[in-house]
Amino acid sequence: MKSETPLHRIQGLGAAHSGTQHFWRERITSVALIPLTIWFGFAALALVGAREVDVLTFFQHPWNAGLMGLFIITVLIHSIVGMQSVIDDYVHQPGLKVLSLLLNRGFAWLMGAICLVALLRIVS
């Protein structure tokens, strides 16, 4: 006999009430990262040995700046979700778990802000 209600079985929610959403967010960001990472790899290889002005000119193009912004946001969302899974699975002390989750999100927000502000300064 299961202890969950029929509504929980239909919704597919776990104990944290966000299991399905967490699962899909991780899968969608990983699929989105495939073409973005390929673009980033080709862009990085094309810019190896380039002068600083060439790199700045490359990122001033709206297409490249937009793809770089998407890459930054997608990587950070994917890292938040992935690290949250690791923290949930392996950190068992409640206080340390909350602190780890807060640091995980705080670090990602800080890195995202720094990267996107730098990208906006290049574009403008």
N, C-alpha and C. Protein backbone atom coordinates (compact mmCIF):
# COMPACT_ATOMS: atom_id res chain seq x y z
N MET A 1 0.85 -1.18 0.00
CA MET A 1 0.00 0.00 0.00
C MET A 1 0.89 1.24 0.00
N LYS A 2 0.62 2.15 -0.92
CA LYS A 2 1.42 3.36 -1.03
C LYS A 2 0.85 4.45 -0.14
N SER A 3 1.76 5.30 0.37
CA SER A 3 1.32 6.36 1.27
C SER A 3 0.98 7.65 0.53
N GLU A 4 1.16 7.69 -0.78
CA GLU A 4 0.85 8.92 -1.51
C GLU A 4 -0.59 8.88 -2.03
N THR A 5 -1.14 10.04 -2.20
CA THR A 5 -2.52 10.15 -2.66
C THR A 5 -2.59 9.94 -4.17
N PRO A 6 -3.76 9.63 -4.68
CA PRO A 6 -3.89 9.50 -6.14
C PRO A 6 -3.51 10.77 -6.89
N LEU A 7 -3.77 11.92 -6.28
CA LEU A 7 -3.40 13.19 -6.91
C LEU A 7 -1.89 13.29 -7.09
N HIS A 8 -1.12 12.87 -6.08
CA HIS A 8 0.34 12.89 -6.20
C HIS A 8 0.81 11.96 -7.31
N ARG A 9 0.19 10.80 -7.44
CA ARG A 9 0.59 9.87 -8.50
C ARG A 9 0.31 10.46 -9.87
N ILE A 10 -0.79 11.17 -10.01
CA ILE A 10 -1.14 11.78 -11.30
C ILE A 10 -0.21 12.95 -11.61
N GLN A 11 0.07 13.79 -10.62
CA GLN A 11 0.92 14.95 -10.83
C GLN A 11 2.38 14.59 -10.99
N GLY A 12 2.79 13.44 -10.48
CA GLY A 12 4.18 13.03 -10.59
C GLY A 12 5.12 13.81 -9.70
N LEU A 13 4.61 14.35 -8.61
CA LEU A 13 5.44 15.15 -7.71
C LEU A 13 6.03 14.27 -6.62
N GLY A 14 7.27 14.53 -6.28
CA GLY A 14 7.94 13.80 -5.20
C GLY A 14 7.71 14.48 -3.87
N ALA A 15 8.56 14.15 -2.91
CA ALA A 15 8.42 14.70 -1.56
C ALA A 15 8.62 16.20 -1.53
N ALA A 16 9.45 16.72 -2.43
CA ALA A 16 9.70 18.17 -2.45
C ALA A 16 8.69 18.90 -3.31
N HIS A 17 7.76 18.17 -3.93
CA HIS A 17 6.71 18.74 -4.76
C HIS A 17 7.23 19.48 -5.99
N SER A 18 8.40 19.09 -6.48
CA SER A 18 8.94 19.75 -7.67
C SER A 18 9.77 18.79 -8.51
N GLY A 19 9.62 17.50 -8.31
CA GLY A 19 10.46 16.52 -8.97
C GLY A 19 10.36 16.54 -10.48
N THR A 20 9.16 16.59 -11.02
CA THR A 20 8.99 16.57 -12.47
C THR A 20 9.53 17.84 -13.10
N GLN A 21 9.25 18.97 -12.49
CA GLN A 21 9.75 20.25 -13.01
C GLN A 21 11.28 20.27 -12.98
N HIS A 22 11.86 19.80 -11.91
CA HIS A 22 13.32 19.74 -11.79
C HIS A 22 13.91 18.83 -12.86
N PHE A 23 13.30 17.67 -13.07
CA PHE A 23 13.76 16.71 -14.08
C PHE A 23 13.73 17.34 -15.47
N TRP A 24 12.62 17.97 -15.82
CA TRP A 24 12.50 18.55 -17.17
C TRP A 24 13.39 19.76 -17.36
N ARG A 25 13.56 20.57 -16.32
CA ARG A 25 14.45 21.72 -16.44
C ARG A 25 15.88 21.27 -16.73
N GLU A 26 16.30 20.21 -16.06
CA GLU A 26 17.65 19.68 -16.29
C GLU A 26 17.79 19.12 -17.70
N ARG A 27 16.77 18.42 -18.19
CA ARG A 27 16.84 17.84 -19.54
C ARG A 27 16.77 18.90 -20.62
N ILE A 28 15.91 19.89 -20.45
CA ILE A 28 15.75 20.93 -21.47
C ILE A 28 17.02 21.78 -21.57
N THR A 29 17.62 22.13 -20.44
CA THR A 29 18.84 22.91 -20.51
C THR A 29 19.98 22.10 -21.11
N SER A 30 20.02 20.79 -20.85
CA SER A 30 21.10 19.99 -21.44
C SER A 30 20.93 19.88 -22.94
N VAL A 31 19.71 19.76 -23.42
CA VAL A 31 19.48 19.71 -24.88
C VAL A 31 19.77 21.07 -25.50
N ALA A 32 19.41 22.15 -24.84
CA ALA A 32 19.68 23.49 -25.36
C ALA A 32 21.18 23.77 -25.40
N LEU A 33 21.92 23.16 -24.49
CA LEU A 33 23.36 23.39 -24.45
C LEU A 33 24.11 22.69 -25.59
N ILE A 34 23.51 21.72 -26.22
CA ILE A 34 24.21 21.03 -27.31
C ILE A 34 24.56 21.99 -28.45
N PRO A 35 23.59 22.67 -29.07
CA PRO A 35 23.97 23.58 -30.15
C PRO A 35 24.72 24.82 -29.63
N LEU A 36 24.39 25.28 -28.43
CA LEU A 36 25.08 26.45 -27.90
C LEU A 36 26.56 26.14 -27.62
N THR A 37 26.83 24.95 -27.12
CA THR A 37 28.22 24.57 -26.86
C THR A 37 28.99 24.38 -28.16
N ILE A 38 28.33 23.83 -29.17
CA ILE A 38 28.99 23.69 -30.48
C ILE A 38 29.33 25.07 -31.02
N TRP A 39 28.36 26.02 -30.95
CA TRP A 39 28.64 27.38 -31.40
C TRP A 39 29.79 27.98 -30.60
N PHE A 40 29.76 27.83 -29.27
CA PHE A 40 30.80 28.39 -28.41
C PHE A 40 32.17 27.80 -28.75
N GLY A 41 32.22 26.50 -29.00
CA GLY A 41 33.48 25.86 -29.35
C GLY A 41 34.06 26.40 -30.64
N PHE A 42 33.21 26.51 -31.68
CA PHE A 42 33.68 27.06 -32.95
C PHE A 42 34.10 28.53 -32.80
N ALA A 43 33.33 29.29 -32.03
CA ALA A 43 33.66 30.71 -31.82
C ALA A 43 34.98 30.85 -31.08
N ALA A 44 35.17 30.04 -30.05
CA ALA A 44 36.42 30.11 -29.28
C ALA A 44 37.61 29.71 -30.14
N LEU A 45 37.44 28.66 -30.94
CA LEU A 45 38.55 28.24 -31.81
C LEU A 45 38.86 29.29 -32.87
N ALA A 46 37.81 29.95 -33.36
CA ALA A 46 38.02 30.98 -34.37
C ALA A 46 38.72 32.21 -33.79
N LEU A 47 38.57 32.43 -32.50
CA LEU A 47 39.16 33.61 -31.87
C LEU A 47 40.51 33.34 -31.22
N VAL A 48 41.00 32.11 -31.30
CA VAL A 48 42.31 31.81 -30.73
C VAL A 48 43.37 32.62 -31.48
N GLY A 49 44.16 33.35 -30.74
CA GLY A 49 45.22 34.16 -31.33
C GLY A 49 44.75 35.47 -31.91
N ALA A 50 43.46 35.76 -31.81
CA ALA A 50 42.94 37.02 -32.35
C ALA A 50 43.31 38.18 -31.44
N ARG A 51 43.35 39.35 -32.03
CA ARG A 51 43.61 40.56 -31.24
C ARG A 51 42.36 40.90 -30.42
N GLU A 52 42.55 41.69 -29.38
CA GLU A 52 41.44 42.07 -28.51
C GLU A 52 40.35 42.79 -29.29
N VAL A 53 40.72 43.64 -30.21
CA VAL A 53 39.74 44.38 -31.00
C VAL A 53 38.90 43.44 -31.87
N ASP A 54 39.51 42.36 -32.35
CA ASP A 54 38.76 41.38 -33.15
C ASP A 54 37.74 40.63 -32.30
N VAL A 55 38.12 40.30 -31.08
CA VAL A 55 37.19 39.63 -30.17
C VAL A 55 36.03 40.55 -29.82
N LEU A 56 36.33 41.81 -29.53
CA LEU A 56 35.27 42.77 -29.21
C LEU A 56 34.34 42.98 -30.40
N THR A 57 34.91 43.05 -31.59
CA THR A 57 34.09 43.20 -32.80
C THR A 57 33.19 41.98 -33.01
N PHE A 58 33.74 40.80 -32.72
CA PHE A 58 32.96 39.56 -32.85
C PHE A 58 31.73 39.60 -31.94
N PHE A 59 31.92 40.03 -30.70
CA PHE A 59 30.80 40.04 -29.75
C PHE A 59 29.90 41.25 -29.90
N GLN A 60 30.30 42.25 -30.67
CA GLN A 60 29.41 43.38 -30.94
C GLN A 60 28.35 43.03 -31.97
N HIS A 61 28.56 41.96 -32.71
CA HIS A 61 27.54 41.51 -33.65
C HIS A 61 26.36 40.97 -32.84
N PRO A 62 25.12 41.43 -33.12
CA PRO A 62 23.96 41.03 -32.30
C PRO A 62 23.76 39.52 -32.22
N TRP A 63 24.02 38.83 -33.33
CA TRP A 63 23.82 37.38 -33.35
C TRP A 63 24.76 36.70 -32.35
N ASN A 64 26.03 37.07 -32.38
CA ASN A 64 27.01 36.46 -31.48
C ASN A 64 26.77 36.86 -30.02
N ALA A 65 26.41 38.11 -29.79
CA ALA A 65 26.12 38.56 -28.43
C ALA A 65 24.90 37.84 -27.87
N GLY A 66 23.88 37.66 -28.69
CA GLY A 66 22.68 36.95 -28.25
C GLY A 66 22.96 35.50 -27.92
N LEU A 67 23.72 34.83 -28.79
CA LEU A 67 24.06 33.44 -28.52
C LEU A 67 24.93 33.30 -27.27
N MET A 68 25.83 34.25 -27.07
CA MET A 68 26.66 34.19 -25.87
C MET A 68 25.83 34.41 -24.62
N GLY A 69 24.89 35.35 -24.67
CA GLY A 69 23.99 35.57 -23.55
C GLY A 69 23.15 34.33 -23.24
N LEU A 70 22.62 33.69 -24.28
CA LEU A 70 21.86 32.45 -24.08
C LEU A 70 22.74 31.36 -23.50
N PHE A 71 23.97 31.26 -23.99
CA PHE A 71 24.90 30.26 -23.48
C PHE A 71 25.16 30.48 -21.99
N ILE A 72 25.41 31.72 -21.60
CA ILE A 72 25.69 32.02 -20.19
C ILE A 72 24.49 31.65 -19.31
N ILE A 73 23.30 32.10 -19.71
CA ILE A 73 22.10 31.85 -18.91
C ILE A 73 21.80 30.36 -18.81
N THR A 74 21.91 29.65 -19.94
CA THR A 74 21.59 28.22 -19.96
C THR A 74 22.59 27.42 -19.13
N VAL A 75 23.87 27.75 -19.24
CA VAL A 75 24.88 27.06 -18.44
C VAL A 75 24.62 27.27 -16.95
N LEU A 76 24.29 28.48 -16.57
CA LEU A 76 24.08 28.76 -15.15
C LEU A 76 22.82 28.07 -14.62
N ILE A 77 21.75 28.06 -15.39
CA ILE A 77 20.54 27.35 -14.96
C ILE A 77 20.83 25.86 -14.83
N HIS A 78 21.54 25.31 -15.82
CA HIS A 78 21.87 23.89 -15.79
C HIS A 78 22.77 23.57 -14.59
N SER A 79 23.70 24.46 -14.28
CA SER A 79 24.59 24.20 -13.13
C SER A 79 23.83 24.29 -11.81
N ILE A 80 22.90 25.23 -11.71
CA ILE A 80 22.09 25.33 -10.49
C ILE A 80 21.30 24.05 -10.27
N VAL A 81 20.64 23.59 -11.31
CA VAL A 81 19.79 22.40 -11.20
C VAL A 81 20.65 21.16 -10.91
N GLY A 82 21.77 21.03 -11.60
CA GLY A 82 22.63 19.88 -11.38
C GLY A 82 23.23 19.85 -9.99
N MET A 83 23.74 20.98 -9.53
CA MET A 83 24.31 21.04 -8.19
C MET A 83 23.25 20.85 -7.12
N GLN A 84 22.02 21.29 -7.39
CA GLN A 84 20.95 21.08 -6.43
C GLN A 84 20.69 19.59 -6.26
N SER A 85 20.75 18.84 -7.35
CA SER A 85 20.57 17.38 -7.26
C SER A 85 21.67 16.76 -6.42
N VAL A 86 22.90 17.18 -6.64
CA VAL A 86 24.04 16.64 -5.87
C VAL A 86 23.89 16.99 -4.40
N ILE A 87 23.55 18.24 -4.11
CA ILE A 87 23.38 18.67 -2.72
C ILE A 87 22.25 17.90 -2.05
N ASP A 88 21.11 17.77 -2.74
CA ASP A 88 19.99 17.03 -2.17
C ASP A 88 20.34 15.58 -1.88
N ASP A 89 21.15 14.98 -2.73
CA ASP A 89 21.48 13.56 -2.57
C ASP A 89 22.57 13.31 -1.53
N TYR A 90 23.53 14.22 -1.39
CA TYR A 90 24.71 13.90 -0.60
C TYR A 90 24.92 14.76 0.64
N VAL A 91 24.20 15.84 0.81
CA VAL A 91 24.32 16.64 2.03
C VAL A 91 23.12 16.30 2.91
N HIS A 92 23.40 15.76 4.09
CA HIS A 92 22.32 15.23 4.93
C HIS A 92 22.00 16.12 6.13
N GLN A 93 22.86 17.04 6.48
CA GLN A 93 22.59 17.93 7.61
C GLN A 93 21.73 19.08 7.11
N PRO A 94 20.56 19.30 7.72
CA PRO A 94 19.62 20.32 7.22
C PRO A 94 20.22 21.72 7.10
N GLY A 95 20.95 22.17 8.11
CA GLY A 95 21.52 23.52 8.06
C GLY A 95 22.56 23.65 6.96
N LEU A 96 23.42 22.65 6.82
CA LEU A 96 24.43 22.67 5.78
C LEU A 96 23.81 22.56 4.39
N LYS A 97 22.70 21.81 4.30
CA LYS A 97 22.01 21.67 3.01
C LYS A 97 21.43 23.01 2.57
N VAL A 98 20.78 23.72 3.47
CA VAL A 98 20.21 25.03 3.14
C VAL A 98 21.31 26.01 2.76
N LEU A 99 22.40 26.03 3.53
CA LEU A 99 23.52 26.91 3.22
C LEU A 99 24.11 26.58 1.85
N SER A 100 24.29 25.30 1.57
CA SER A 100 24.85 24.88 0.28
C SER A 100 23.94 25.29 -0.88
N LEU A 101 22.64 25.12 -0.70
CA LEU A 101 21.70 25.52 -1.76
C LEU A 101 21.72 27.03 -1.98
N LEU A 102 21.80 27.78 -0.89
CA LEU A 102 21.87 29.24 -1.01
C LEU A 102 23.16 29.68 -1.69
N LEU A 103 24.28 29.07 -1.30
CA LEU A 103 25.55 29.41 -1.93
C LEU A 103 25.57 29.03 -3.40
N ASN A 104 24.96 27.90 -3.72
CA ASN A 104 24.86 27.45 -5.12
C ASN A 104 24.14 28.49 -5.97
N ARG A 105 22.98 28.91 -5.52
CA ARG A 105 22.21 29.91 -6.28
C ARG A 105 22.88 31.27 -6.26
N GLY A 106 23.43 31.66 -5.13
CA GLY A 106 24.09 32.95 -5.04
C GLY A 106 25.29 33.04 -5.96
N PHE A 107 26.09 31.98 -6.02
CA PHE A 107 27.25 31.96 -6.90
C PHE A 107 26.81 32.06 -8.36
N ALA A 108 25.78 31.32 -8.72
CA ALA A 108 25.30 31.36 -10.11
C ALA A 108 24.76 32.75 -10.47
N TRP A 109 24.00 33.36 -9.57
CA TRP A 109 23.47 34.70 -9.83
C TRP A 109 24.61 35.71 -9.95
N LEU A 110 25.61 35.61 -9.09
CA LEU A 110 26.74 36.52 -9.15
C LEU A 110 27.52 36.36 -10.46
N MET A 111 27.81 35.14 -10.83
CA MET A 111 28.53 34.88 -12.08
C MET A 111 27.71 35.34 -13.29
N GLY A 112 26.40 35.09 -13.24
CA GLY A 112 25.53 35.52 -14.33
C GLY A 112 25.52 37.04 -14.47
N ALA A 113 25.43 37.72 -13.35
CA ALA A 113 25.42 39.18 -13.38
C ALA A 113 26.73 39.72 -13.93
N ILE A 114 27.85 39.18 -13.46
CA ILE A 114 29.15 39.64 -13.92
C ILE A 114 29.30 39.40 -15.42
N CYS A 115 28.97 38.20 -15.87
CA CYS A 115 29.13 37.86 -17.30
C CYS A 115 28.21 38.69 -18.18
N LEU A 116 26.96 38.84 -17.78
CA LEU A 116 26.02 39.58 -18.63
C LEU A 116 26.32 41.07 -18.64
N VAL A 117 26.78 41.63 -17.52
CA VAL A 117 27.17 43.03 -17.52
C VAL A 117 28.38 43.24 -18.41
N ALA A 118 29.34 42.32 -18.35
CA ALA A 118 30.51 42.42 -19.22
C ALA A 118 30.10 42.33 -20.69
N LEU A 119 29.18 41.42 -20.99
CA LEU A 119 28.71 41.28 -22.37
C LEU A 119 27.97 42.53 -22.82
N LEU A 120 27.16 43.10 -21.97
CA LEU A 120 26.44 44.33 -22.32
C LEU A 120 27.39 45.50 -22.51
N ARG A 121 28.46 45.54 -21.74
CA ARG A 121 29.46 46.61 -21.92
C ARG A 121 30.18 46.46 -23.25
N ILE A 122 30.39 45.24 -23.69
CA ILE A 122 31.03 45.01 -24.99
C ILE A 122 30.09 45.42 -26.12
N VAL A 123 28.81 45.06 -25.99
CA VAL A 123 27.84 45.32 -27.04
C VAL A 123 27.59 46.82 -27.19
N SER A 124 27.55 47.55 -26.10
CA SER A 124 27.21 48.98 -26.19
C SER A 124 28.41 49.86 -26.42
